[in-house]
Amino acid sequence: MQKILIAAALGTGLMIGAFSASYAKLPPAPAKTDAEKAVEAEKAAAAKAKAADQLGKAQDRAAANYRKGKGIAEAKPAAATKPGKK
């Protein structure tokens, strides 16, 4: 009988705790200054540039691996053509 009462008390306590926690609110975050926004934007731009660079390198490695596996020679750049007379 005691185990049932203890389990019921614990269950009730957990439900009350979860119910009250769902209504708890954190205070709003302070507004960011222009300097903080600029630093954050600069970090985001740097991260985006780094991700683009890493993507380009990964694509180059994948293409080289594909060419190696297929036995395809490296692509040579097209020769520059001279404009003809009109």
C-alpha atoms as a PDB file:
ATOM      1  CA  MET A   1       0.000   0.000   0.000  1.00  0.00           C
ATOM      2  CA  GLN A   2       2.831   2.350   0.833  1.00  0.00           C
ATOM      3  CA  LYS A   3       4.466   1.792  -2.573  1.00  0.00           C
ATOM      4  CA  ILE A   4       1.240   2.789  -4.308  1.00  0.00           C
ATOM      5  CA  LEU A   5       0.944   5.976  -2.232  1.00  0.00           C
ATOM      6  CA  ILE A   6       4.568   6.888  -2.863  1.00  0.00           C
ATOM      7  CA  ALA A   7       4.185   6.286  -6.596  1.00  0.00           C
ATOM      8  CA  ALA A   8       0.972   8.347  -6.688  1.00  0.00           C
ATOM      9  CA  ALA A   9       2.607  11.190  -4.760  1.00  0.00           C
ATOM     10  CA  LEU A  10       5.624  11.188  -7.075  1.00  0.00           C
ATOM     11  CA  GLY A  11       3.423  11.095 -10.165  1.00  0.00           C
ATOM     12  CA  THR A  12       1.293  13.963  -8.883  1.00  0.00           C
ATOM     13  CA  GLY A  13       4.375  15.980  -8.006  1.00  0.00           C
ATOM     14  CA  LEU A  14       5.878  15.454 -11.439  1.00  0.00           C
ATOM     15  CA  MET A  15       2.652  16.466 -13.152  1.00  0.00           C
ATOM     16  CA  ILE A  16       2.332  19.623 -11.054  1.00  0.00           C
ATOM     17  CA  GLY A  17       5.979  20.491 -11.713  1.00  0.00           C
ATOM     18  CA  ALA A  18       5.619  19.976 -15.451  1.00  0.00           C
ATOM     19  CA  PHE A  19       2.394  21.988 -15.512  1.00  0.00           C
ATOM     20  CA  SER A  20       3.901  24.945 -13.682  1.00  0.00           C
ATOM     21  CA  ALA A  21       7.102  24.814 -15.731  1.00  0.00           C
ATOM     22  CA  SER A  22       5.122  25.118 -18.938  1.00  0.00           C
ATOM     23  CA  TYR A  23       3.839  28.506 -17.812  1.00  0.00           C
ATOM     24  CA  ALA A  24       7.216  29.830 -16.697  1.00  0.00           C
ATOM     25  CA  LYS A  25       8.632  32.556 -18.921  1.00  0.00           C
ATOM     26  CA  LEU A  26      12.141  33.835 -19.268  1.00  0.00           C
ATOM     27  CA  PRO A  27      12.703  37.552 -19.366  1.00  0.00           C
ATOM     28  CA  PRO A  28      13.079  38.966 -22.880  1.00  0.00           C
ATOM     29  CA  ALA A  29      16.610  39.240 -24.220  1.00  0.00           C
ATOM     30  CA  PRO A  30      18.059  42.738 -24.211  1.00  0.00           C
ATOM     31  CA  ALA A  31      17.940  44.557 -27.534  1.00  0.00           C
ATOM     32  CA  LYS A  32      21.127  44.336 -29.587  1.00  0.00           C
ATOM     33  CA  THR A  33      23.073  47.451 -30.402  1.00  0.00           C
ATOM     34  CA  ASP A  34      24.106  48.342 -33.936  1.00  0.00           C
ATOM     35  CA  ALA A  35      27.689  47.329 -33.154  1.00  0.00           C
ATOM     36  CA  GLU A  36      26.590  43.878 -31.972  1.00  0.00           C
ATOM     37  CA  LYS A  37      24.437  43.459 -35.066  1.00  0.00           C
ATOM     38  CA  ALA A  38      27.360  44.445 -37.306  1.00  0.00           C
ATOM     39  CA  VAL A  39      29.699  41.970 -35.602  1.00  0.00           C
ATOM     40  CA  GLU A  40      27.094  39.227 -35.909  1.00  0.00           C
ATOM     41  CA  ALA A  41      26.547  39.992 -39.602  1.00  0.00           C
ATOM     42  CA  GLU A  42      30.308  39.980 -40.218  1.00  0.00           C
ATOM     43  CA  LYS A  43      30.651  36.591 -38.519  1.00  0.00           C
ATOM     44  CA  ALA A  44      27.763  35.208 -40.568  1.00  0.00           C
ATOM     45  CA  ALA A  45      29.322  36.486 -43.805  1.00  0.00           C
ATOM     46  CA  ALA A  46      32.696  34.967 -42.902  1.00  0.00           C
ATOM     47  CA  ALA A  47      31.062  31.640 -42.065  1.00  0.00           C
ATOM     48  CA  LYS A  48      29.150  31.692 -45.358  1.00  0.00           C
ATOM     49  CA  ALA A  49      32.337  32.428 -47.325  1.00  0.00           C
ATOM     50  CA  LYS A  50      34.196  29.638 -45.528  1.00  0.00           C
ATOM     51  CA  ALA A  51      31.361  27.186 -46.221  1.00  0.00           C
ATOM     52  CA  ALA A  52      31.334  28.155 -49.909  1.00  0.00           C
ATOM     53  CA  ASP A  53      35.110  27.671 -50.113  1.00  0.00           C
ATOM     54  CA  GLN A  54      34.891  24.263 -48.444  1.00  0.00           C
ATOM     55  CA  LEU A  55      32.077  23.256 -50.800  1.00  0.00           C
ATOM     56  CA  GLY A  56      34.143  24.266 -53.838  1.00  0.00           C
ATOM     57  CA  LYS A  57      37.140  22.267 -52.610  1.00  0.00           C
ATOM     58  CA  ALA A  58      34.952  19.234 -51.911  1.00  0.00           C
ATOM     59  CA  GLN A  59      33.438  19.452 -55.388  1.00  0.00           C
ATOM     60  CA  ASP A  60      36.912  19.671 -56.931  1.00  0.00           C
ATOM     61  CA  ARG A  61      38.030  16.578 -54.980  1.00  0.00           C
ATOM     62  CA  ALA A  62      34.883  14.686 -56.011  1.00  0.00           C
ATOM     63  CA  ALA A  63      35.387  15.582 -59.668  1.00  0.00           C
ATOM     64  CA  ALA A  64      39.065  14.577 -59.529  1.00  0.00           C
ATOM     65  CA  ASN A  65      38.135  11.291 -57.881  1.00  0.00           C
ATOM     66  CA  TYR A  66      35.515  10.636 -60.561  1.00  0.00           C
ATOM     67  CA  ARG A  67      37.974  11.392 -63.365  1.00  0.00           C
ATOM     68  CA  LYS A  68      40.589   9.161 -61.733  1.00  0.00           C
ATOM     69  CA  GLY A  69      38.130   6.286 -61.401  1.00  0.00           C
ATOM     70  CA  LYS A  70      36.895   6.614 -64.972  1.00  0.00           C
ATOM     71  CA  GLY A  71      40.344   7.087 -66.453  1.00  0.00           C
ATOM     72  CA  ILE A  72      39.503  10.514 -67.846  1.00  0.00           C
ATOM     73  CA  ALA A  73      42.449  12.835 -68.442  1.00  0.00           C
ATOM     74  CA  GLU A  74      42.445  16.226 -66.813  1.00  0.00           C
ATOM     75  CA  ALA A  75      40.500  18.831 -68.742  1.00  0.00           C
ATOM     76  CA  LYS A  76      42.752  21.338 -70.467  1.00  0.00           C
ATOM     77  CA  PRO A  77      41.661  24.951 -70.712  1.00  0.00           C
ATOM     78  CA  ALA A  78      40.462  26.012 -74.157  1.00  0.00           C
ATOM     79  CA  ALA A  79      42.990  27.951 -76.221  1.00  0.00           C
ATOM     80  CA  ALA A  80      42.275  31.634 -76.447  1.00  0.00           C
ATOM     81  CA  THR A  81      40.939  32.530 -79.849  1.00  0.00           C
ATOM     82  CA  LYS A  82      41.869  35.705 -81.639  1.00  0.00           C
ATOM     83  CA  PRO A  83      39.008  37.761 -82.926  1.00  0.00           C
ATOM     84  CA  GLY A  84      38.794  37.592 -86.725  1.00  0.00           C
ATOM     85  CA  LYS A  85      38.435  40.485 -89.126  1.00  0.00           C
ATOM     86  CA  LYS A  86      34.923  41.593 -89.877  1.00  0.00           C
END
